[in-house]
Amino acid sequence: MAGLTLDTAGALAAARELGATGWPAAELLLAIRIGMAEGAAARREGEIKPDG
């Protein structure tokens, strides 16, 4: 996941606003990071064309 950044504090705050605490919050953050990595890989492979 090199080169990917996630505002961890902001994402954790959003998870808490949704009622997630402890392990569920950590799992939500992990799912976001995995999604970001998969999206980046798809863009590198040309599956998704960037906007513009």
C-alpha atoms as a PDB file:
ATOM      1  CA  MET A   1       0.000   0.000   0.000  1.00  0.00           C
ATOM      2  CA  ALA A   2       2.912   2.279  -0.622  1.00  0.00           C
ATOM      3  CA  GLY A   3       1.942   5.788  -1.574  1.00  0.00           C
ATOM      4  CA  LEU A   4      -1.559   5.541  -0.176  1.00  0.00           C
ATOM      5  CA  THR A   5      -2.557   7.847   2.615  1.00  0.00           C
ATOM      6  CA  LEU A   6      -5.533   7.672   4.899  1.00  0.00           C
ATOM      7  CA  ASP A   7      -6.490  10.318   7.416  1.00  0.00           C
ATOM      8  CA  THR A   8      -6.569   7.746  10.205  1.00  0.00           C
ATOM      9  CA  ALA A   9      -7.764  10.173  12.856  1.00  0.00           C
ATOM     10  CA  GLY A  10     -10.549  11.445  10.611  1.00  0.00           C
ATOM     11  CA  ALA A  11     -11.561   7.933   9.552  1.00  0.00           C
ATOM     12  CA  LEU A  12     -11.588   6.773  13.174  1.00  0.00           C
ATOM     13  CA  ALA A  13     -13.739   9.759  14.141  1.00  0.00           C
ATOM     14  CA  ALA A  14     -16.149   8.908  11.314  1.00  0.00           C
ATOM     15  CA  ALA A  15     -16.267   5.275  12.457  1.00  0.00           C
ATOM     16  CA  ARG A  16     -17.064   6.397  15.986  1.00  0.00           C
ATOM     17  CA  GLU A  17     -19.807   8.698  14.698  1.00  0.00           C
ATOM     18  CA  LEU A  18     -21.297   5.619  13.017  1.00  0.00           C
ATOM     19  CA  GLY A  19     -21.209   3.855  16.375  1.00  0.00           C
ATOM     20  CA  ALA A  20     -18.160   1.645  15.764  1.00  0.00           C
ATOM     21  CA  THR A  21     -15.698   1.253  18.629  1.00  0.00           C
ATOM     22  CA  GLY A  22     -12.808  -1.082  19.385  1.00  0.00           C
ATOM     23  CA  TRP A  23     -12.328  -3.936  16.921  1.00  0.00           C
ATOM     24  CA  PRO A  24     -15.238  -2.963  14.639  1.00  0.00           C
ATOM     25  CA  ALA A  25     -13.664   0.481  14.170  1.00  0.00           C
ATOM     26  CA  ALA A  26     -10.279  -1.102  13.405  1.00  0.00           C
ATOM     27  CA  GLU A  27     -11.895  -3.471  10.902  1.00  0.00           C
ATOM     28  CA  LEU A  28     -13.644  -0.545   9.214  1.00  0.00           C
ATOM     29  CA  LEU A  29     -10.327   1.290   8.848  1.00  0.00           C
ATOM     30  CA  LEU A  30      -8.712  -1.864   7.440  1.00  0.00           C
ATOM     31  CA  ALA A  31     -11.540  -2.263   4.916  1.00  0.00           C
ATOM     32  CA  ILE A  32     -11.053   1.345   3.795  1.00  0.00           C
ATOM     33  CA  ARG A  33      -7.313   0.798   3.331  1.00  0.00           C
ATOM     34  CA  ILE A  34      -7.882  -2.429   1.395  1.00  0.00           C
ATOM     35  CA  GLY A  35     -10.381  -0.647  -0.839  1.00  0.00           C
ATOM     36  CA  MET A  36      -7.907   2.163  -1.452  1.00  0.00           C
ATOM     37  CA  ALA A  37      -5.180  -0.349  -2.349  1.00  0.00           C
ATOM     38  CA  GLU A  38      -7.458  -2.273  -4.711  1.00  0.00           C
ATOM     39  CA  GLY A  39      -8.549   0.955  -6.397  1.00  0.00           C
ATOM     40  CA  ALA A  40      -4.949   2.079  -6.844  1.00  0.00           C
ATOM     41  CA  ALA A  41      -3.991  -1.303  -8.296  1.00  0.00           C
ATOM     42  CA  ALA A  42      -6.926  -1.173 -10.713  1.00  0.00           C
ATOM     43  CA  ARG A  43      -5.899   2.302 -11.875  1.00  0.00           C
ATOM     44  CA  ARG A  44      -2.305   1.160 -12.398  1.00  0.00           C
ATOM     45  CA  GLU A  45      -3.530  -1.779 -14.480  1.00  0.00           C
ATOM     46  CA  GLY A  46      -5.730   0.514 -16.559  1.00  0.00           C
ATOM     47  CA  GLU A  47      -9.025  -0.938 -15.351  1.00  0.00           C
ATOM     48  CA  ILE A  48     -10.221   2.456 -14.136  1.00  0.00           C
ATOM     49  CA  LYS A  49      -9.526   5.640 -16.038  1.00  0.00           C
ATOM     50  CA  PRO A  50      -8.920   8.741 -13.895  1.00  0.00           C
ATOM     51  CA  ASP A  51     -11.409  11.583 -14.211  1.00  0.00           C
ATOM     52  CA  GLY A  52     -10.434  14.370 -16.544  1.00  0.00           C
END
